[in-house]
Amino acid sequence: MRISVKPFIAAPSLVYSYHHKLVGIAVLICCVVLVYTSSSYAQFPDPNIDVSCMCVEDNIEVEILGFETFTGTASGHMTVRTGIQYDDSGLATMPMEILSHNTKGTIGGLGSITVDHDFSRPSPYSILQELSPGTYFPAKQEMYVNILITIDSLPDMTLRNISTATLQNPYQNSFPPSGVVYTLQEPMALEDVTDPGTTVAIVHSYRARIESSYIPTLTEWGMIIFCVLLFGWMAWVIVRRRRRVTAGI
């Protein structure tokens, strides 16, 4: 009597069931990623999130009263903490508290300059506000700052702004921002902290460009590419398994 042994081949229903589960898991992962992406980019961040950004001030103009106007550049960072979103005349608005602000640079004819956040004088909460109701982005951002300035050529002085200054970016598509520019809205008078009320210098121009954020993020296109790669990998796994099943491995 001849006994024949055939290699075991999984039932097609079992194979397809496995494939369907695998594809289902991939679809679920992609849906979660896309929902997270859309919610992250379409709305303002949750409250109590600390965000740090690198910035470059490439157009500083400082007039020392009685002398002349000097220009220079600086670079540094700013950290803010997000607040609870509220409605302002029908526009979604997110307050931000400045936690730190430090930049260092050089002013031609004056030497090194350092700008620090003035913690002794609380400034109003900065804001991120949508431009159209219900859209979140694009939005405008206004930073309200009180600062301390030290300059090499004025060793006996620590300067500070007499009134809270406003830096504004009128249009941005995301938060944290990247590649956007904030400009001083009006000249900023400076006084010596030891002689308040007397203007000794005026900042006529101050433009801060946000270079990058410390928080790594993926753009919408990045997420789409991720999903495409994930589906490609799943397709490769399915094809490879089918070949193994057909070969009886």
C-alpha atoms as a PDB file:
ATOM      1  CA  MET A   1       0.000   0.000   0.000  1.00  0.00           C
ATOM      2  CA  ARG A   2       1.405   3.401  -1.043  1.00  0.00           C
ATOM      3  CA  ILE A   3       1.072   6.187   1.415  1.00  0.00           C
ATOM      4  CA  SER A   4       1.329   9.688   0.022  1.00  0.00           C
ATOM      5  CA  VAL A   5       2.065  12.704   2.193  1.00  0.00           C
ATOM      6  CA  LYS A   6       0.994  16.085   0.979  1.00  0.00           C
ATOM      7  CA  PRO A   7       2.384  19.324   2.371  1.00  0.00           C
ATOM      8  CA  PHE A   8      -0.024  21.186   4.610  1.00  0.00           C
ATOM      9  CA  ILE A   9      -1.552  24.221   2.973  1.00  0.00           C
ATOM     10  CA  ALA A  10      -3.540  26.597   5.136  1.00  0.00           C
ATOM     11  CA  ALA A  11      -7.150  27.017   4.206  1.00  0.00           C
ATOM     12  CA  PRO A  12      -7.734  30.122   2.087  1.00  0.00           C
ATOM     13  CA  SER A  13     -10.299  31.343   4.589  1.00  0.00           C
ATOM     14  CA  LEU A  14      -7.697  31.279   7.365  1.00  0.00           C
ATOM     15  CA  VAL A  15      -5.152  33.084   5.180  1.00  0.00           C
ATOM     16  CA  TYR A  16      -7.596  35.775   4.139  1.00  0.00           C
ATOM     17  CA  SER A  17      -8.803  36.137   7.737  1.00  0.00           C
ATOM     18  CA  TYR A  18      -5.208  36.772   8.822  1.00  0.00           C
ATOM     19  CA  HIS A  19      -4.707  39.258   5.999  1.00  0.00           C
ATOM     20  CA  HIS A  20      -7.914  41.062   6.824  1.00  0.00           C
ATOM     21  CA  LYS A  21      -6.861  41.435  10.457  1.00  0.00           C
ATOM     22  CA  LEU A  22      -3.472  42.746   9.386  1.00  0.00           C
ATOM     23  CA  VAL A  23      -5.019  45.288   7.011  1.00  0.00           C
ATOM     24  CA  GLY A  24      -7.569  46.266   9.654  1.00  0.00           C
ATOM     25  CA  ILE A  25      -4.819  47.004  12.143  1.00  0.00           C
ATOM     26  CA  ALA A  26      -2.980  49.109   9.564  1.00  0.00           C
ATOM     27  CA  VAL A  27      -6.137  51.073   8.726  1.00  0.00           C
ATOM     28  CA  LEU A  28      -6.824  51.650  12.416  1.00  0.00           C
ATOM     29  CA  ILE A  29      -3.302  52.947  12.993  1.00  0.00           C
ATOM     30  CA  CYS A  30      -3.533  55.309  10.015  1.00  0.00           C
ATOM     31  CA  CYS A  31      -6.935  56.600  11.124  1.00  0.00           C
ATOM     32  CA  VAL A  32      -5.613  57.340  14.602  1.00  0.00           C
ATOM     33  CA  VAL A  33      -2.580  59.128  13.154  1.00  0.00           C
ATOM     34  CA  LEU A  34      -4.652  61.202  10.737  1.00  0.00           C
ATOM     35  CA  VAL A  35      -7.222  62.149  13.384  1.00  0.00           C
ATOM     36  CA  TYR A  36      -4.429  63.170  15.746  1.00  0.00           C
ATOM     37  CA  THR A  37      -2.779  65.179  12.978  1.00  0.00           C
ATOM     38  CA  SER A  38      -5.943  67.003  11.991  1.00  0.00           C
ATOM     39  CA  SER A  39      -6.784  67.844  15.588  1.00  0.00           C
ATOM     40  CA  SER A  40      -3.228  68.978  16.327  1.00  0.00           C
ATOM     41  CA  TYR A  41      -3.035  71.272  13.324  1.00  0.00           C
ATOM     42  CA  ALA A  42      -6.646  72.462  13.158  1.00  0.00           C
ATOM     43  CA  GLN A  43      -6.950  73.612  16.768  1.00  0.00           C
ATOM     44  CA  PHE A  44      -4.904  75.468  19.335  1.00  0.00           C
ATOM     45  CA  PRO A  45      -2.760  73.435  21.759  1.00  0.00           C
ATOM     46  CA  ASP A  46      -4.045  72.260  25.118  1.00  0.00           C
ATOM     47  CA  PRO A  47      -3.349  74.481  28.150  1.00  0.00           C
ATOM     48  CA  ASN A  48      -0.239  74.187  30.329  1.00  0.00           C
ATOM     49  CA  ILE A  49       2.090  73.149  27.516  1.00  0.00           C
ATOM     50  CA  ASP A  50       5.561  74.749  27.519  1.00  0.00           C
ATOM     51  CA  VAL A  51       6.828  75.646  24.056  1.00  0.00           C
ATOM     52  CA  SER A  52      10.372  76.858  23.325  1.00  0.00           C
ATOM     53  CA  CYS A  53      11.469  78.423  20.049  1.00  0.00           C
ATOM     54  CA  MET A  54      14.767  79.655  18.642  1.00  0.00           C
ATOM     55  CA  CYS A  55      14.676  83.205  17.303  1.00  0.00           C
ATOM     56  CA  VAL A  56      16.936  85.572  15.382  1.00  0.00           C
ATOM     57  CA  GLU A  57      16.673  89.362  15.640  1.00  0.00           C
ATOM     58  CA  ASP A  58      18.189  90.495  12.352  1.00  0.00           C
ATOM     59  CA  ASN A  59      17.138  94.135  12.294  1.00  0.00           C
ATOM     60  CA  ILE A  60      17.717  95.934  15.597  1.00  0.00           C
ATOM     61  CA  GLU A  61      17.903  99.739  15.457  1.00  0.00           C
ATOM     62  CA  VAL A  62      18.732 101.528  18.717  1.00  0.00           C
ATOM     63  CA  GLU A  63      19.017 105.290  19.063  1.00  0.00           C
ATOM     64  CA  ILE A  64      21.049 106.581  22.001  1.00  0.00           C
ATOM     65  CA  LEU A  65      19.630 110.032  22.682  1.00  0.00           C
ATOM     66  CA  GLY A  66      22.209 112.739  22.081  1.00  0.00           C
ATOM     67  CA  PHE A  67      24.301 110.481  19.868  1.00  0.00           C
ATOM     68  CA  GLU A  68      23.114 108.449  16.876  1.00  0.00           C
ATOM     69  CA  THR A  69      21.247 105.343  15.767  1.00  0.00           C
ATOM     70  CA  PHE A  70      23.062 102.008  15.812  1.00  0.00           C
ATOM     71  CA  THR A  71      22.115  98.703  14.169  1.00  0.00           C
ATOM     72  CA  GLY A  72      22.878  95.084  14.892  1.00  0.00           C
ATOM     73  CA  THR A  73      21.680  91.501  15.230  1.00  0.00           C
ATOM     74  CA  ALA A  74      21.075  88.993  18.013  1.00  0.00           C
ATOM     75  CA  SER A  75      19.804  85.464  18.553  1.00  0.00           C
ATOM     76  CA  GLY A  76      18.391  83.425  21.399  1.00  0.00           C
ATOM     77  CA  HIS A  77      15.225  81.716  22.568  1.00  0.00           C
ATOM     78  CA  MET A  78      11.817  82.282  24.102  1.00  0.00           C
ATOM     79  CA  THR A  79       9.655  79.887  26.100  1.00  0.00           C
ATOM     80  CA  VAL A  80       5.920  80.314  26.623  1.00  0.00           C
ATOM     81  CA  ARG A  81       3.229  78.351  28.447  1.00  0.00           C
ATOM     82  CA  THR A  82      -0.153  77.947  26.795  1.00  0.00           C
ATOM     83  CA  GLY A  83      -3.320  78.947  28.637  1.00  0.00           C
ATOM     84  CA  ILE A  84      -7.015  78.080  28.471  1.00  0.00           C
ATOM     85  CA  GLN A  85      -8.666  79.065  25.198  1.00  0.00           C
ATOM     86  CA  TYR A  86     -11.443  81.664  25.360  1.00  0.00           C
ATOM     87  CA  ASP A  87     -13.750  83.545  23.005  1.00  0.00           C
ATOM     88  CA  ASP A  88     -12.959  87.157  22.118  1.00  0.00           C
ATOM     89  CA  SER A  89     -15.677  88.787  19.987  1.00  0.00           C
ATOM     90  CA  GLY A  90     -16.375  85.466  18.300  1.00  0.00           C
ATOM     91  CA  LEU A  91     -12.717  84.603  17.691  1.00  0.00           C
ATOM     92  CA  ALA A  92     -10.951  81.702  19.397  1.00  0.00           C
ATOM     93  CA  THR A  93      -8.073  83.104  21.429  1.00  0.00           C
ATOM     94  CA  MET A  94      -5.322  81.322  23.334  1.00  0.00           C
ATOM     95  CA  PRO A  95      -3.393  83.214  26.037  1.00  0.00           C
ATOM     96  CA  MET A  96       0.320  82.578  26.557  1.00  0.00           C
ATOM     97  CA  GLU A  97       2.569  83.314  29.499  1.00  0.00           C
ATOM     98  CA  ILE A  98       6.217  84.144  28.762  1.00  0.00           C
ATOM     99  CA  LEU A  99       8.414  81.938  30.935  1.00  0.00           C
ATOM    100  CA  SER A 100      11.789  83.027  29.580  1.00  0.00           C
ATOM    101  CA  HIS A 101      13.274  85.272  26.918  1.00  0.00           C
ATOM    102  CA  ASN A 102      16.997  85.636  26.364  1.00  0.00           C
ATOM    103  CA  THR A 103      18.923  86.866  23.339  1.00  0.00           C
ATOM    104  CA  LYS A 104      22.508  87.988  22.812  1.00  0.00           C
ATOM    105  CA  GLY A 105      24.117  89.802  19.920  1.00  0.00           C
ATOM    106  CA  THR A 106      26.207  92.705  18.709  1.00  0.00           C
ATOM    107  CA  ILE A 107      25.304  96.309  17.924  1.00  0.00           C
ATOM    108  CA  GLY A 108      27.755  98.072  15.613  1.00  0.00           C
ATOM    109  CA  GLY A 109      29.456 100.890  17.546  1.00  0.00           C
ATOM    110  CA  LEU A 110      28.002  99.782  20.895  1.00  0.00           C
ATOM    111  CA  GLY A 111      29.368  96.278  21.372  1.00  0.00           C
ATOM    112  CA  SER A 112      27.596  93.274  22.820  1.00  0.00           C
ATOM    113  CA  ILE A 113      23.931  93.468  23.772  1.00  0.00           C
ATOM    114  CA  THR A 114      21.871  91.161  25.982  1.00  0.00           C
ATOM    115  CA  VAL A 115      18.091  91.105  26.191  1.00  0.00           C
ATOM    116  CA  ASP A 116      16.334  89.307  29.053  1.00  0.00           C
ATOM    117  CA  HIS A 117      12.739  88.963  30.193  1.00  0.00           C
ATOM    118  CA  ASP A 118      11.960  91.354  33.068  1.00  0.00           C
ATOM    119  CA  PHE A 119      10.329  89.187  35.730  1.00  0.00           C
ATOM    120  CA  SER A 120       9.975  92.138  38.100  1.00  0.00           C
ATOM    121  CA  ARG A 121       7.278  93.652  35.878  1.00  0.00           C
ATOM    122  CA  PRO A 122       4.567  91.174  34.888  1.00  0.00           C
ATOM    123  CA  SER A 123       3.373  91.777  31.337  1.00  0.00           C
ATOM    124  CA  PRO A 124      -0.108  91.017  29.970  1.00  0.00           C
ATOM    125  CA  TYR A 125      -0.662  87.526  28.612  1.00  0.00           C
ATOM    126  CA  SER A 126       0.367  87.233  24.984  1.00  0.00           C
ATOM    127  CA  ILE A 127      -2.254  85.868  22.586  1.00  0.00           C
ATOM    128  CA  LEU A 128      -2.753  83.612  19.591  1.00  0.00           C
ATOM    129  CA  GLN A 129      -6.033  84.498  17.843  1.00  0.00           C
ATOM    130  CA  GLU A 130      -7.747  83.034  14.798  1.00  0.00           C
ATOM    131  CA  LEU A 131      -8.397  85.397  11.880  1.00  0.00           C
ATOM    132  CA  SER A 132     -11.826  83.964  11.004  1.00  0.00           C
ATOM    133  CA  PRO A 133     -14.402  82.407  13.367  1.00  0.00           C
ATOM    134  CA  GLY A 134     -14.182  78.638  13.682  1.00  0.00           C
ATOM    135  CA  THR A 135     -11.010  78.214  11.604  1.00  0.00           C
ATOM    136  CA  TYR A 136      -8.206  78.417  14.226  1.00  0.00           C
ATOM    137  CA  PHE A 137      -5.623  78.850  11.484  1.00  0.00           C
ATOM    138  CA  PRO A 138      -4.465  81.070   9.935  1.00  0.00           C
ATOM    139  CA  ALA A 139      -4.056  83.125  13.092  1.00  0.00           C
ATOM    140  CA  LYS A 140      -2.235  86.178  14.355  1.00  0.00           C
ATOM    141  CA  GLN A 141       0.045  86.219  17.368  1.00  0.00           C
ATOM    142  CA  GLU A 142       0.920  89.140  19.608  1.00  0.00           C
ATOM    143  CA  MET A 143       3.692  88.947  22.187  1.00  0.00           C
ATOM    144  CA  TYR A 144       3.606  91.499  25.015  1.00  0.00           C
ATOM    145  CA  VAL A 145       7.047  91.928  26.492  1.00  0.00           C
ATOM    146  CA  ASN A 146       8.856  93.736  29.277  1.00  0.00           C
ATOM    147  CA  ILE A 147      12.615  93.403  28.877  1.00  0.00           C
ATOM    148  CA  LEU A 148      15.961  94.300  30.425  1.00  0.00           C
ATOM    149  CA  ILE A 149      18.829  95.365  28.142  1.00  0.00           C
ATOM    150  CA  THR A 150      22.535  95.590  28.885  1.00  0.00           C
ATOM    151  CA  ILE A 151      25.047  97.066  26.416  1.00  0.00           C
ATOM    152  CA  ASP A 152      28.859  96.903  26.629  1.00  0.00           C
ATOM    153  CA  SER A 153      29.337 100.616  25.929  1.00  0.00           C
ATOM    154  CA  LEU A 154      26.886 101.519  28.719  1.00  0.00           C
ATOM    155  CA  PRO A 155      28.399  99.480  31.579  1.00  0.00           C
ATOM    156  CA  ASP A 156      26.740 101.444  34.364  1.00  0.00           C
ATOM    157  CA  MET A 157      23.229 101.136  32.958  1.00  0.00           C
ATOM    158  CA  THR A 158      20.574  98.467  32.771  1.00  0.00           C
ATOM    159  CA  LEU A 159      17.897  99.639  30.378  1.00  0.00           C
ATOM    160  CA  ARG A 160      14.241  98.629  30.352  1.00  0.00           C
ATOM    161  CA  ASN A 161      11.234  99.523  28.241  1.00  0.00           C
ATOM    162  CA  ILE A 162       9.061 102.239  29.804  1.00  0.00           C
ATOM    163  CA  SER A 163       5.827 100.775  28.399  1.00  0.00           C
ATOM    164  CA  THR A 164       5.016  97.164  27.546  1.00  0.00           C
ATOM    165  CA  ALA A 165       6.068  96.511  23.958  1.00  0.00           C
ATOM    166  CA  THR A 166       4.130  94.511  21.370  1.00  0.00           C
ATOM    167  CA  LEU A 167       5.691  92.137  18.836  1.00  0.00           C
ATOM    168  CA  GLN A 168       3.194  90.953  16.241  1.00  0.00           C
ATOM    169  CA  ASN A 169       3.035  88.304  13.562  1.00  0.00           C
ATOM    170  CA  PRO A 170      -0.159  88.940  11.559  1.00  0.00           C
ATOM    171  CA  TYR A 171      -0.374  85.560   9.823  1.00  0.00           C
ATOM    172  CA  GLN A 172       0.740  82.053  10.777  1.00  0.00           C
ATOM    173  CA  ASN A 173      -0.526  78.589   9.898  1.00  0.00           C
ATOM    174  CA  SER A 174       0.584  76.591  12.919  1.00  0.00           C
ATOM    175  CA  PHE A 175       1.689  76.634  16.524  1.00  0.00           C
ATOM    176  CA  PRO A 176       4.474  76.283  17.493  1.00  0.00           C
ATOM    177  CA  PRO A 177       5.424  78.693  14.706  1.00  0.00           C
ATOM    178  CA  SER A 178       8.344  78.236  12.323  1.00  0.00           C
ATOM    179  CA  GLY A 179       9.805  80.632   9.779  1.00  0.00           C
ATOM    180  CA  VAL A 180       7.498  83.487  10.789  1.00  0.00           C
ATOM    181  CA  VAL A 181       8.493  87.061  11.658  1.00  0.00           C
ATOM    182  CA  TYR A 182       7.418  89.217  14.603  1.00  0.00           C
ATOM    183  CA  THR A 183       7.887  92.980  14.335  1.00  0.00           C
ATOM    184  CA  LEU A 184       7.841  95.754  16.910  1.00  0.00           C
ATOM    185  CA  GLN A 185       4.575  97.647  16.483  1.00  0.00           C
ATOM    186  CA  GLU A 186       5.829 101.060  17.650  1.00  0.00           C
ATOM    187  CA  PRO A 187       9.128 102.559  18.856  1.00  0.00           C
ATOM    188  CA  MET A 188      10.116 101.371  22.322  1.00  0.00           C
ATOM    189  CA  ALA A 189      11.439 104.016  24.729  1.00  0.00           C
ATOM    190  CA  LEU A 190      14.087 102.807  27.198  1.00  0.00           C
ATOM    191  CA  GLU A 191      14.953 104.128  30.644  1.00  0.00           C
ATOM    192  CA  ASP A 192      17.712 103.357  33.118  1.00  0.00           C
ATOM    193  CA  VAL A 193      16.350 101.224  35.957  1.00  0.00           C
ATOM    194  CA  THR A 194      18.089 103.560  38.444  1.00  0.00           C
ATOM    195  CA  ASP A 195      16.522 106.675  36.887  1.00  0.00           C
ATOM    196  CA  PRO A 196      12.953 105.763  35.913  1.00  0.00           C
ATOM    197  CA  GLY A 197      10.947 108.153  33.781  1.00  0.00           C
ATOM    198  CA  THR A 198      13.864 109.545  31.772  1.00  0.00           C
ATOM    199  CA  THR A 199      14.205 108.214  28.215  1.00  0.00           C
ATOM    200  CA  VAL A 200      17.847 107.507  27.379  1.00  0.00           C
ATOM    201  CA  ALA A 201      17.390 105.374  24.258  1.00  0.00           C
ATOM    202  CA  ILE A 202      14.744 104.329  21.746  1.00  0.00           C
ATOM    203  CA  VAL A 203      14.438 101.040  19.889  1.00  0.00           C
ATOM    204  CA  HIS A 204      13.051 102.026  16.494  1.00  0.00           C
ATOM    205  CA  SER A 205      13.099  98.585  14.886  1.00  0.00           C
ATOM    206  CA  TYR A 206      13.112  95.068  16.302  1.00  0.00           C
ATOM    207  CA  ARG A 207      12.285  92.102  14.094  1.00  0.00           C
ATOM    208  CA  ALA A 208      12.353  88.569  15.492  1.00  0.00           C
ATOM    209  CA  ARG A 209      12.342  85.607  13.104  1.00  0.00           C
ATOM    210  CA  ILE A 210      11.421  82.210  14.517  1.00  0.00           C
ATOM    211  CA  GLU A 211      13.922  79.689  13.213  1.00  0.00           C
ATOM    212  CA  SER A 212      12.633  76.475  14.724  1.00  0.00           C
ATOM    213  CA  SER A 213      10.909  74.838  17.636  1.00  0.00           C
ATOM    214  CA  TYR A 214      12.516  72.421  20.079  1.00  0.00           C
ATOM    215  CA  ILE A 215       9.453  70.209  19.732  1.00  0.00           C
ATOM    216  CA  PRO A 216       9.768  67.850  16.736  1.00  0.00           C
ATOM    217  CA  THR A 217       6.587  67.589  14.676  1.00  0.00           C
ATOM    218  CA  LEU A 218       5.417  66.062  11.405  1.00  0.00           C
ATOM    219  CA  THR A 219       3.525  68.099   8.858  1.00  0.00           C
ATOM    220  CA  GLU A 220       0.338  66.823   7.252  1.00  0.00           C
ATOM    221  CA  TRP A 221       2.418  65.650   4.259  1.00  0.00           C
ATOM    222  CA  GLY A 222       4.765  63.869   6.626  1.00  0.00           C
ATOM    223  CA  MET A 223       1.857  61.984   8.141  1.00  0.00           C
ATOM    224  CA  ILE A 224       0.514  61.083   4.680  1.00  0.00           C
ATOM    225  CA  ILE A 225       3.922  59.722   3.655  1.00  0.00           C
ATOM    226  CA  PHE A 226       4.048  57.736   6.899  1.00  0.00           C
ATOM    227  CA  CYS A 227       0.657  56.149   6.117  1.00  0.00           C
ATOM    228  CA  VAL A 228       1.729  55.331   2.545  1.00  0.00           C
ATOM    229  CA  LEU A 229       4.890  53.635   3.833  1.00  0.00           C
ATOM    230  CA  LEU A 230       2.860  51.720   6.403  1.00  0.00           C
ATOM    231  CA  PHE A 231       0.445  50.410   3.761  1.00  0.00           C
ATOM    232  CA  GLY A 232       3.376  49.545   1.503  1.00  0.00           C
ATOM    233  CA  TRP A 233       4.944  47.496   4.277  1.00  0.00           C
ATOM    234  CA  MET A 234       1.630  45.735   4.944  1.00  0.00           C
ATOM    235  CA  ALA A 235       1.272  44.885   1.245  1.00  0.00           C
ATOM    236  CA  TRP A 236       4.785  43.413   1.232  1.00  0.00           C
ATOM    237  CA  VAL A 237       3.980  41.285   4.301  1.00  0.00           C
ATOM    238  CA  ILE A 238       0.762  39.990   2.714  1.00  0.00           C
ATOM    239  CA  VAL A 239       2.413  39.100  -0.616  1.00  0.00           C
ATOM    240  CA  ARG A 240       5.321  37.414   1.146  1.00  0.00           C
ATOM    241  CA  ARG A 241       2.994  35.336   3.320  1.00  0.00           C
ATOM    242  CA  ARG A 242       0.872  34.273   0.357  1.00  0.00           C
ATOM    243  CA  ARG A 243       3.990  33.026  -1.418  1.00  0.00           C
ATOM    244  CA  ARG A 244       5.016  31.059   1.677  1.00  0.00           C
ATOM    245  CA  VAL A 245       1.547  29.534   2.012  1.00  0.00           C
ATOM    246  CA  THR A 246       1.450  28.605  -1.695  1.00  0.00           C
ATOM    247  CA  ALA A 247       4.869  26.984  -1.398  1.00  0.00           C
ATOM    248  CA  GLY A 248       3.643  25.009   1.596  1.00  0.00           C
ATOM    249  CA  ILE A 249       6.180  26.496   4.000  1.00  0.00           C
END
